[in-house]
Amino acid sequence: MLESTYGLKDAISRLTELDNKFKHAPSIEEWENVKVNLECLEGFYDVIEKLLGSKYPTANIYFNDICTIYFALKEWLHNPYPFLASMAEKMIENFEKY
């Protein structure tokens, strides 16, 4: 959904110029946040797609992918985007819980 929305960035920006009643367009900062989210979550999508495509998901098959996700979350904690660091903190908490 984010990918589709980001693809319409130019059209939405143009709509704000043409229609005075269209008041809720994302700001430049919000568009940048969408872009950062897309880049970060792409790895999750690949792993989830792989996991859901398997009839028998066992730990030995997905251990490396799970570790990759965990280390990516740890890196996000030191990201210059506060929203991403906050999201990573919550995700790591759940990751370690389960």
PDB file of N, CA and C in Angstrom:
ATOM      1  N   MET A   1       0.818  -1.171   0.000  1.00  0.00           N
ATOM      2  CA  MET A   1       0.000   0.000   0.000  1.00  0.00           C
ATOM      3  C   MET A   1       0.884   1.264   0.000  1.00  0.00           C
ATOM      4  N   LEU A   2       1.941   1.242   0.795  1.00  0.00           N
ATOM      5  CA  LEU A   2       2.856   2.385   0.801  1.00  0.00           C
ATOM      6  C   LEU A   2       3.503   2.578  -0.562  1.00  0.00           C
ATOM      7  N   GLU A   3       3.865   1.470  -1.184  1.00  0.00           N
ATOM      8  CA  GLU A   3       4.517   1.542  -2.490  1.00  0.00           C
ATOM      9  C   GLU A   3       3.585   2.174  -3.526  1.00  0.00           C
ATOM     10  N   SER A   4       2.321   1.768  -3.495  1.00  0.00           N
ATOM     11  CA  SER A   4       1.344   2.337  -4.426  1.00  0.00           C
ATOM     12  C   SER A   4       1.146   3.821  -4.178  1.00  0.00           C
ATOM     13  N   THR A   5       1.060   4.197  -2.914  1.00  0.00           N
ATOM     14  CA  THR A   5       0.868   5.598  -2.556  1.00  0.00           C
ATOM     15  C   THR A   5       2.063   6.437  -2.968  1.00  0.00           C
ATOM     16  N   TYR A   6       3.256   5.918  -2.705  1.00  0.00           N
ATOM     17  CA  TYR A   6       4.455   6.673  -3.055  1.00  0.00           C
ATOM     18  C   TYR A   6       4.565   6.860  -4.566  1.00  0.00           C
ATOM     19  N   GLY A   7       4.079   5.880  -5.308  1.00  0.00           N
ATOM     20  CA  GLY A   7       4.075   6.000  -6.765  1.00  0.00           C
ATOM     21  C   GLY A   7       3.165   7.113  -7.261  1.00  0.00           C
ATOM     22  N   LEU A   8       2.209   7.507  -6.437  1.00  0.00           N
ATOM     23  CA  LEU A   8       1.270   8.572  -6.809  1.00  0.00           C
ATOM     24  C   LEU A   8       1.663   9.924  -6.229  1.00  0.00           C
ATOM     25  N   LYS A   9       2.869  10.004  -5.701  1.00  0.00           N
ATOM     26  CA  LYS A   9       3.338  11.235  -5.051  1.00  0.00           C
ATOM     27  C   LYS A   9       3.172  12.455  -5.952  1.00  0.00           C
ATOM     28  N   ASP A  10       3.620  12.375  -7.182  1.00  0.00           N
ATOM     29  CA  ASP A  10       3.548  13.516  -8.095  1.00  0.00           C
ATOM     30  C   ASP A  10       2.103  13.892  -8.413  1.00  0.00           C
ATOM     31  N   ALA A  11       1.257  12.875  -8.586  1.00  0.00           N
ATOM     32  CA  ALA A  11      -0.152  13.150  -8.889  1.00  0.00           C
ATOM     33  C   ALA A  11      -0.845  13.825  -7.709  1.00  0.00           C
ATOM     34  N   ILE A  12      -0.539  13.365  -6.506  1.00  0.00           N
ATOM     35  CA  ILE A  12      -1.145  13.965  -5.316  1.00  0.00           C
ATOM     36  C   ILE A  12      -0.649  15.395  -5.132  1.00  0.00           C
ATOM     37  N   SER A  13       0.630  15.613  -5.362  1.00  0.00           N
ATOM     38  CA  SER A  13       1.174  16.967  -5.260  1.00  0.00           C
ATOM     39  C   SER A  13       0.517  17.896  -6.279  1.00  0.00           C
ATOM     40  N   ARG A  14       0.321  17.398  -7.469  1.00  0.00           N
ATOM     41  CA  ARG A  14      -0.325  18.192  -8.525  1.00  0.00           C
ATOM     42  C   ARG A  14      -1.772  18.493  -8.167  1.00  0.00           C
ATOM     43  N   LEU A  15      -2.443  17.529  -7.543  1.00  0.00           N
ATOM     44  CA  LEU A  15      -3.831  17.729  -7.138  1.00  0.00           C
ATOM     45  C   LEU A  15      -3.954  18.875  -6.137  1.00  0.00           C
ATOM     46  N   THR A  16      -2.981  18.989  -5.235  1.00  0.00           N
ATOM     47  CA  THR A  16      -3.018  20.091  -4.255  1.00  0.00           C
ATOM     48  C   THR A  16      -2.877  21.444  -4.951  1.00  0.00           C
ATOM     49  N   GLU A  17      -2.171  21.476  -6.063  1.00  0.00           N
ATOM     50  CA  GLU A  17      -2.015  22.723  -6.806  1.00  0.00           C
ATOM     51  C   GLU A  17      -3.286  23.087  -7.566  1.00  0.00           C
ATOM     52  N   LEU A  18      -3.993  22.073  -8.045  1.00  0.00           N
ATOM     53  CA  LEU A  18      -5.165  22.313  -8.893  1.00  0.00           C
ATOM     54  C   LEU A  18      -6.469  22.451  -8.125  1.00  0.00           C
ATOM     55  N   ASP A  19      -6.569  21.811  -6.967  1.00  0.00           N
ATOM     56  CA  ASP A  19      -7.826  21.794  -6.216  1.00  0.00           C
ATOM     57  C   ASP A  19      -7.620  22.431  -4.842  1.00  0.00           C
ATOM     58  N   ASN A  20      -8.210  23.592  -4.646  1.00  0.00           N
ATOM     59  CA  ASN A  20      -8.069  24.310  -3.377  1.00  0.00           C
ATOM     60  C   ASN A  20      -8.718  23.581  -2.207  1.00  0.00           C
ATOM     61  N   LYS A  21      -9.670  22.702  -2.498  1.00  0.00           N
ATOM     62  CA  LYS A  21     -10.376  21.974  -1.435  1.00  0.00           C
ATOM     63  C   LYS A  21      -9.590  20.764  -0.936  1.00  0.00           C
ATOM     64  N   PHE A  22      -8.580  20.369  -1.670  1.00  0.00           N
ATOM     65  CA  PHE A  22      -7.757  19.223  -1.279  1.00  0.00           C
ATOM     66  C   PHE A  22      -6.703  19.717  -0.287  1.00  0.00           C
ATOM     67  N   LYS A  23      -6.955  19.506   0.998  1.00  0.00           N
ATOM     68  CA  LYS A  23      -6.126  20.101   2.048  1.00  0.00           C
ATOM     69  C   LYS A  23      -5.233  19.104   2.784  1.00  0.00           C
ATOM     70  N   HIS A  24      -5.405  17.823   2.552  1.00  0.00           N
ATOM     71  CA  HIS A  24      -4.735  16.824   3.386  1.00  0.00           C
ATOM     72  C   HIS A  24      -3.626  16.069   2.666  1.00  0.00           C
ATOM     73  N   ALA A  25      -2.919  16.721   1.819  1.00  0.00           N
ATOM     74  CA  ALA A  25      -1.789  16.084   1.130  1.00  0.00           C
ATOM     75  C   ALA A  25      -0.608  15.960   2.096  1.00  0.00           C
ATOM     76  N   PRO A  26       0.146  14.888   1.985  1.00  0.00           N
ATOM     77  CA  PRO A  26       1.323  14.731   2.851  1.00  0.00           C
ATOM     78  C   PRO A  26       2.356  15.832   2.601  1.00  0.00           C
ATOM     79  N   SER A  27       3.037  16.192   3.656  1.00  0.00           N
ATOM     80  CA  SER A  27       4.101  17.193   3.549  1.00  0.00           C
ATOM     81  C   SER A  27       5.348  16.545   2.945  1.00  0.00           C
ATOM     82  N   ILE A  28       6.339  17.356   2.639  1.00  0.00           N
ATOM     83  CA  ILE A  28       7.602  16.832   2.099  1.00  0.00           C
ATOM     84  C   ILE A  28       8.240  15.873   3.094  1.00  0.00           C
ATOM     85  N   GLU A  29       8.178  16.236   4.371  1.00  0.00           N
ATOM     86  CA  GLU A  29       8.739  15.370   5.417  1.00  0.00           C
ATOM     87  C   GLU A  29       7.996  14.033   5.483  1.00  0.00           C
ATOM     88  N   GLU A  30       6.686  14.064   5.349  1.00  0.00           N
ATOM     89  CA  GLU A  30       5.897  12.826   5.380  1.00  0.00           C
ATOM     90  C   GLU A  30       6.222  11.937   4.169  1.00  0.00           C
ATOM     91  N   TRP A  31       6.415  12.558   3.002  1.00  0.00           N
ATOM     92  CA  TRP A  31       6.804  11.771   1.828  1.00  0.00           C
ATOM     93  C   TRP A  31       8.164  11.108   2.052  1.00  0.00           C
ATOM     94  N   GLU A  32       9.074  11.830   2.678  1.00  0.00           N
ATOM     95  CA  GLU A  32      10.396  11.273   2.980  1.00  0.00           C
ATOM     96  C   GLU A  32      10.266  10.092   3.949  1.00  0.00           C
ATOM     97  N   ASN A  33       9.360  10.212   4.920  1.00  0.00           N
ATOM     98  CA  ASN A  33       9.117   9.107   5.855  1.00  0.00           C
ATOM     99  C   ASN A  33       8.576   7.882   5.138  1.00  0.00           C
ATOM    100  N   VAL A  34       7.694   8.100   4.181  1.00  0.00           N
ATOM    101  CA  VAL A  34       7.152   6.980   3.392  1.00  0.00           C
ATOM    102  C   VAL A  34       8.281   6.288   2.641  1.00  0.00           C
ATOM    103  N   LYS A  35       9.145   7.070   2.031  1.00  0.00           N
ATOM    104  CA  LYS A  35      10.266   6.512   1.269  1.00  0.00           C
ATOM    105  C   LYS A  35      11.178   5.681   2.171  1.00  0.00           C
ATOM    106  N   VAL A  36      11.499   6.201   3.345  1.00  0.00           N
ATOM    107  CA  VAL A  36      12.363   5.481   4.295  1.00  0.00           C
ATOM    108  C   VAL A  36      11.683   4.201   4.749  1.00  0.00           C
ATOM    109  N   ASN A  37      10.398   4.271   5.043  1.00  0.00           N
ATOM    110  CA  ASN A  37       9.656   3.070   5.438  1.00  0.00           C
ATOM    111  C   ASN A  37       9.691   2.014   4.348  1.00  0.00           C
ATOM    112  N   LEU A  38       9.476   2.431   3.123  1.00  0.00           N
ATOM    113  CA  LEU A  38       9.504   1.494   1.998  1.00  0.00           C
ATOM    114  C   LEU A  38      10.836   0.760   1.918  1.00  0.00           C
ATOM    115  N   GLU A  39      11.914   1.511   2.024  1.00  0.00           N
ATOM    116  CA  GLU A  39      13.243   0.917   1.921  1.00  0.00           C
ATOM    117  C   GLU A  39      13.499  -0.068   3.055  1.00  0.00           C
ATOM    118  N   CYS A  40      13.071   0.283   4.251  1.00  0.00           N
ATOM    119  CA  CYS A  40      13.328  -0.571   5.411  1.00  0.00           C
ATOM    120  C   CYS A  40      12.443  -1.814   5.434  1.00  0.00           C
ATOM    121  N   LEU A  41      11.207  -1.653   5.054  1.00  0.00           N
ATOM    122  CA  LEU A  41      10.269  -2.771   5.147  1.00  0.00           C
ATOM    123  C   LEU A  41      10.354  -3.743   3.976  1.00  0.00           C
ATOM    124  N   GLU A  42      11.094  -3.380   2.961  1.00  0.00           N
ATOM    125  CA  GLU A  42      11.245  -4.252   1.796  1.00  0.00           C
ATOM    126  C   GLU A  42      11.841  -5.610   2.189  1.00  0.00           C
ATOM    127  N   GLY A  43      12.824  -5.591   3.073  1.00  0.00           N
ATOM    128  CA  GLY A  43      13.435  -6.837   3.534  1.00  0.00           C
ATOM    129  C   GLY A  43      12.449  -7.723   4.276  1.00  0.00           C
ATOM    130  N   PHE A  44      11.570  -7.115   5.067  1.00  0.00           N
ATOM    131  CA  PHE A  44      10.551  -7.882   5.776  1.00  0.00           C
ATOM    132  C   PHE A  44       9.611  -8.560   4.789  1.00  0.00           C
ATOM    133  N   TYR A  45       9.233  -7.838   3.776  1.00  0.00           N
ATOM    134  CA  TYR A  45       8.307  -8.377   2.781  1.00  0.00           C
ATOM    135  C   TYR A  45       8.892  -9.623   2.125  1.00  0.00           C
ATOM    136  N   ASP A  46      10.165  -9.551   1.773  1.00  0.00           N
ATOM    137  CA  ASP A  46      10.808 -10.688   1.119  1.00  0.00           C
ATOM    138  C   ASP A  46      10.818 -11.919   2.016  1.00  0.00           C
ATOM    139  N   VAL A  47      11.137 -11.733   3.289  1.00  0.00           N
ATOM    140  CA  VAL A  47      11.179 -12.860   4.227  1.00  0.00           C
ATOM    141  C   VAL A  47       9.781 -13.415   4.469  1.00  0.00           C
ATOM    142  N   ILE A  48       8.810 -12.545   4.651  1.00  0.00           N
ATOM    143  CA  ILE A  48       7.437 -13.000   4.898  1.00  0.00           C
ATOM    144  C   ILE A  48       6.892 -13.749   3.692  1.00  0.00           C
ATOM    145  N   GLU A  49       7.178 -13.256   2.510  1.00  0.00           N
ATOM    146  CA  GLU A  49       6.730 -13.925   1.290  1.00  0.00           C
ATOM    147  C   GLU A  49       7.343 -15.327   1.204  1.00  0.00           C
ATOM    148  N   LYS A  50       8.606 -15.436   1.552  1.00  0.00           N
ATOM    149  CA  LYS A  50       9.299 -16.727   1.549  1.00  0.00           C
ATOM    150  C   LYS A  50       8.689 -17.665   2.595  1.00  0.00           C
ATOM    151  N   LEU A  51       8.414 -17.130   3.771  1.00  0.00           N
ATOM    152  CA  LEU A  51       7.847 -17.915   4.865  1.00  0.00           C
ATOM    153  C   LEU A  51       6.447 -18.403   4.530  1.00  0.00           C
ATOM    154  N   LEU A  52       5.620 -17.537   3.990  1.00  0.00           N
ATOM    155  CA  LEU A  52       4.246 -17.907   3.667  1.00  0.00           C
ATOM    156  C   LEU A  52       4.166 -18.841   2.459  1.00  0.00           C
ATOM    157  N   GLY A  53       5.186 -18.837   1.634  1.00  0.00           N
ATOM    158  CA  GLY A  53       5.190 -19.695   0.455  1.00  0.00           C
ATOM    159  C   GLY A  53       5.621 -21.121   0.759  1.00  0.00           C
ATOM    160  N   SER A  54       6.064 -21.372   1.973  1.00  0.00           N
ATOM    161  CA  SER A  54       6.537 -22.695   2.341  1.00  0.00           C
ATOM    162  C   SER A  54       5.436 -23.485   3.037  1.00  0.00           C
ATOM    163  N   LYS A  55       5.344 -24.749   2.682  1.00  0.00           N
ATOM    164  CA  LYS A  55       4.342 -25.611   3.303  1.00  0.00           C
ATOM    165  C   LYS A  55       4.755 -26.002   4.717  1.00  0.00           C
ATOM    166  N   TYR A  56       6.075 -26.149   4.936  1.00  0.00           N
ATOM    167  CA  TYR A  56       6.588 -26.565   6.240  1.00  0.00           C
ATOM    168  C   TYR A  56       7.698 -25.613   6.690  1.00  0.00           C
ATOM    169  N   PRO A  57       7.326 -24.445   7.233  1.00  0.00           N
ATOM    170  CA  PRO A  57       8.353 -23.494   7.675  1.00  0.00           C
ATOM    171  C   PRO A  57       9.031 -23.978   8.961  1.00  0.00           C
ATOM    172  N   THR A  58      10.274 -24.376   8.853  1.00  0.00           N
ATOM    173  CA  THR A  58      11.014 -24.849  10.016  1.00  0.00           C
ATOM    174  C   THR A  58      12.158 -23.882  10.315  1.00  0.00           C
ATOM    175  N   ALA A  59      12.602 -23.911  11.548  1.00  0.00           N
ATOM    176  CA  ALA A  59      13.605 -22.959  12.018  1.00  0.00           C
ATOM    177  C   ALA A  59      14.904 -23.038  11.219  1.00  0.00           C
ATOM    178  N   ASN A  60      15.326 -24.228  10.856  1.00  0.00           N
ATOM    179  CA  ASN A  60      16.605 -24.341  10.150  1.00  0.00           C
ATOM    180  C   ASN A  60      16.574 -23.676   8.776  1.00  0.00           C
ATOM    181  N   ILE A  61      15.410 -23.562   8.182  1.00  0.00           N
ATOM    182  CA  ILE A  61      15.289 -22.932   6.866  1.00  0.00           C
ATOM    183  C   ILE A  61      15.302 -21.403   6.990  1.00  0.00           C
ATOM    184  N   TYR A  62      14.689 -20.865   8.038  1.00  0.00           N
ATOM    185  CA  TYR A  62      14.484 -19.425   8.153  1.00  0.00           C
ATOM    186  C   TYR A  62      15.360 -18.740   9.186  1.00  0.00           C
ATOM    187  N   PHE A  63      16.237 -19.474   9.844  1.00  0.00           N
ATOM    188  CA  PHE A  63      17.054 -18.895  10.903  1.00  0.00           C
ATOM    189  C   PHE A  63      17.866 -17.701  10.409  1.00  0.00           C
ATOM    190  N   ASN A  64      18.520 -17.833   9.273  1.00  0.00           N
ATOM    191  CA  ASN A  64      19.323 -16.730   8.734  1.00  0.00           C
ATOM    192  C   ASN A  64      18.463 -15.501   8.429  1.00  0.00           C
ATOM    193  N   ASP A  65      17.274 -15.721   7.882  1.00  0.00           N
ATOM    194  CA  ASP A  65      16.381 -14.603   7.569  1.00  0.00           C
ATOM    195  C   ASP A  65      15.919 -13.899   8.845  1.00  0.00           C
ATOM    196  N   ILE A  66      15.607 -14.672   9.869  1.00  0.00           N
ATOM    197  CA  ILE A  66      15.170 -14.093  11.133  1.00  0.00           C
ATOM    198  C   ILE A  66      16.306 -13.280  11.755  1.00  0.00           C
ATOM    199  N   CYS A  67      17.518 -13.799  11.694  1.00  0.00           N
ATOM    200  CA  CYS A  67      18.683 -13.066  12.214  1.00  0.00           C
ATOM    201  C   CYS A  67      18.908 -11.775  11.433  1.00  0.00           C
ATOM    202  N   THR A  68      18.737 -11.827  10.134  1.00  0.00           N
ATOM    203  CA  THR A  68      18.887 -10.635   9.300  1.00  0.00           C
ATOM    204  C   THR A  68      17.891  -9.559   9.717  1.00  0.00           C
ATOM    205  N   ILE A  69      16.656  -9.955   9.963  1.00  0.00           N
ATOM    206  CA  ILE A  69      15.638  -9.011  10.405  1.00  0.00           C
ATOM    207  C   ILE A  69      16.017  -8.417  11.759  1.00  0.00           C
ATOM    208  N   TYR A  70      16.468  -9.265  12.672  1.00  0.00           N
ATOM    209  CA  TYR A  70      16.827  -8.790  14.006  1.00  0.00           C
ATOM    210  C   TYR A  70      17.962  -7.765  13.934  1.00  0.00           C
ATOM    211  N   PHE A  71      18.978  -8.057  13.151  1.00  0.00           N
ATOM    212  CA  PHE A  71      20.104  -7.124  13.032  1.00  0.00           C
ATOM    213  C   PHE A  71      19.698  -5.840  12.320  1.00  0.00           C
ATOM    214  N   ALA A  72      18.770  -5.947  11.374  1.00  0.00           N
ATOM    215  CA  ALA A  72      18.259  -4.740  10.708  1.00  0.00           C
ATOM    216  C   ALA A  72      17.517  -3.860  11.717  1.00  0.00           C
ATOM    217  N   LEU A  73      16.726  -4.479  12.580  1.00  0.00           N
ATOM    218  CA  LEU A  73      16.025  -3.721  13.614  1.00  0.00           C
ATOM    219  C   LEU A  73      17.011  -3.022  14.548  1.00  0.00           C
ATOM    220  N   LYS A  74      18.079  -3.713  14.891  1.00  0.00           N
ATOM    221  CA  LYS A  74      19.096  -3.114  15.756  1.00  0.00           C
ATOM    222  C   LYS A  74      19.739  -1.897  15.081  1.00  0.00           C
ATOM    223  N   GLU A  75      19.965  -1.980  13.782  1.00  0.00           N
ATOM    224  CA  GLU A  75      20.529  -0.846  13.037  1.00  0.00           C
ATOM    225  C   GLU A  75      19.551   0.324  12.989  1.00  0.00           C
ATOM    226  N   TRP A  76      18.269   0.029  12.879  1.00  0.00           N
ATOM    227  CA  TRP A  76      17.261   1.080  12.809  1.00  0.00           C
ATOM    228  C   TRP A  76      17.220   1.903  14.089  1.00  0.00           C
ATOM    229  N   LEU A  77      17.633   1.315  15.209  1.00  0.00           N
ATOM    230  CA  LEU A  77      17.650   2.053  16.475  1.00  0.00           C
ATOM    231  C   LEU A  77      18.546   3.281  16.392  1.00  0.00           C
ATOM    232  N   HIS A  78      19.559   3.228  15.529  1.00  0.00           N
ATOM    233  CA  HIS A  78      20.522   4.324  15.398  1.00  0.00           C
ATOM    234  C   HIS A  78      20.288   5.137  14.123  1.00  0.00           C
ATOM    235  N   ASN A  79      19.088   5.029  13.575  1.00  0.00           N
ATOM    236  CA  ASN A  79      18.724   5.728  12.358  1.00  0.00           C
ATOM    237  C   ASN A  79      18.453   7.202  12.662  1.00  0.00           C
ATOM    238  N   PRO A  80      18.777   8.106  11.748  1.00  0.00           N
ATOM    239  CA  PRO A  80      18.528   9.535  11.993  1.00  0.00           C
ATOM    240  C   PRO A  80      17.041   9.915  12.005  1.00  0.00           C
ATOM    241  N   TYR A  81      16.179   9.015  11.570  1.00  0.00           N
ATOM    242  CA  TYR A  81      14.744   9.294  11.570  1.00  0.00           C
ATOM    243  C   TYR A  81      14.132   8.800  12.884  1.00  0.00           C
ATOM    244  N   PRO A  82      13.634   9.715  13.722  1.00  0.00           N
ATOM    245  CA  PRO A  82      13.107   9.319  15.032  1.00  0.00           C
ATOM    246  C   PRO A  82      11.940   8.338  14.949  1.00  0.00           C
ATOM    247  N   PHE A  83      11.062   8.489  13.945  1.00  0.00           N
ATOM    248  CA  PHE A  83       9.927   7.589  13.839  1.00  0.00           C
ATOM    249  C   PHE A  83      10.386   6.160  13.579  1.00  0.00           C
ATOM    250  N   LEU A  84      11.462   6.000  12.824  1.00  0.00           N
ATOM    251  CA  LEU A  84      11.979   4.672  12.513  1.00  0.00           C
ATOM    252  C   LEU A  84      12.636   4.042  13.736  1.00  0.00           C
ATOM    253  N   ALA A  85      13.380   4.833  14.480  1.00  0.00           N
ATOM    254  CA  ALA A  85      14.011   4.331  15.705  1.00  0.00           C
ATOM    255  C   ALA A  85      12.946   3.917  16.714  1.00  0.00           C
ATOM    256  N   SER A  86      11.885   4.689  16.818  1.00  0.00           N
ATOM    257  CA  SER A  86      10.789   4.360  17.728  1.00  0.00           C
ATOM    258  C   SER A  86      10.091   3.075  17.311  1.00  0.00           C
ATOM    259  N   MET A  87       9.843   2.938  16.015  1.00  0.00           N
ATOM    260  CA  MET A  87       9.206   1.735  15.490  1.00  0.00           C
ATOM    261  C   MET A  87      10.097   0.526  15.739  1.00  0.00           C
ATOM    262  N   ALA A  88      11.394   0.669  15.514  1.00  0.00           N
ATOM    263  CA  ALA A  88      12.335  -0.436  15.721  1.00  0.00           C
ATOM    264  C   ALA A  88      12.354  -0.859  17.178  1.00  0.00           C
ATOM    265  N   GLU A  89      12.291   0.095  18.074  1.00  0.00           N
ATOM    266  CA  GLU A  89      12.300  -0.222  19.508  1.00  0.00           C
ATOM    267  C   GLU A  89      11.111  -1.094  19.885  1.00  0.00           C
ATOM    268  N   LYS A  90       9.943  -0.743  19.383  1.00  0.00           N
ATOM    269  CA  LYS A  90       8.730  -1.522  19.664  1.00  0.00           C
ATOM    270  C   LYS A  90       8.805  -2.895  19.015  1.00  0.00           C
ATOM    271  N   MET A  91       9.341  -2.949  17.802  1.00  0.00           N
ATOM    272  CA  MET A  91       9.431  -4.228  17.099  1.00  0.00           C
ATOM    273  C   MET A  91      10.435  -5.162  17.785  1.00  0.00           C
ATOM    274  N   ILE A  92      11.550  -4.615  18.265  1.00  0.00           N
ATOM    275  CA  ILE A  92      12.537  -5.438  18.969  1.00  0.00           C
ATOM    276  C   ILE A  92      11.933  -5.980  20.265  1.00  0.00           C
ATOM    277  N   GLU A  93      11.171  -5.141  20.930  1.00  0.00           N
ATOM    278  CA  GLU A  93      10.519  -5.586  22.173  1.00  0.00           C
ATOM    279  C   GLU A  93       9.632  -6.797  21.892  1.00  0.00           C
ATOM    280  N   ASN A  94       8.815  -6.738  20.843  1.00  0.00           N
ATOM    281  CA  ASN A  94       7.959  -7.868  20.471  1.00  0.00           C
ATOM    282  C   ASN A  94       8.780  -9.046  19.974  1.00  0.00           C
ATOM    283  N   PHE A  95       9.818  -8.764  19.222  1.00  0.00           N
ATOM    284  CA  PHE A  95      10.680  -9.810  18.688  1.00  0.00           C
ATOM    285  C   PHE A  95      11.266 -10.633  19.832  1.00  0.00           C
ATOM    286  N   GLU A  96      11.794  -9.934  20.839  1.00  0.00           N
ATOM    287  CA  GLU A  96      12.415 -10.635  21.967  1.00  0.00           C
ATOM    288  C   GLU A  96      11.374 -11.315  22.852  1.00  0.00           C
ATOM    289  N   LYS A  97      10.161 -10.795  22.881  1.00  0.00           N
ATOM    290  CA  LYS A  97       9.099 -11.392  23.668  1.00  0.00           C
ATOM    291  C   LYS A  97       8.709 -12.764  23.106  1.00  0.00           C
ATOM    292  N   TYR A  98       8.661 -12.874  21.788  1.00  0.00           N
ATOM    293  CA  TYR A  98       8.236 -14.123  21.165  1.00  0.00           C
ATOM    294  C   TYR A  98       9.407 -14.970  20.753  1.00  0.00           C
TER     295      TYR A  98
END
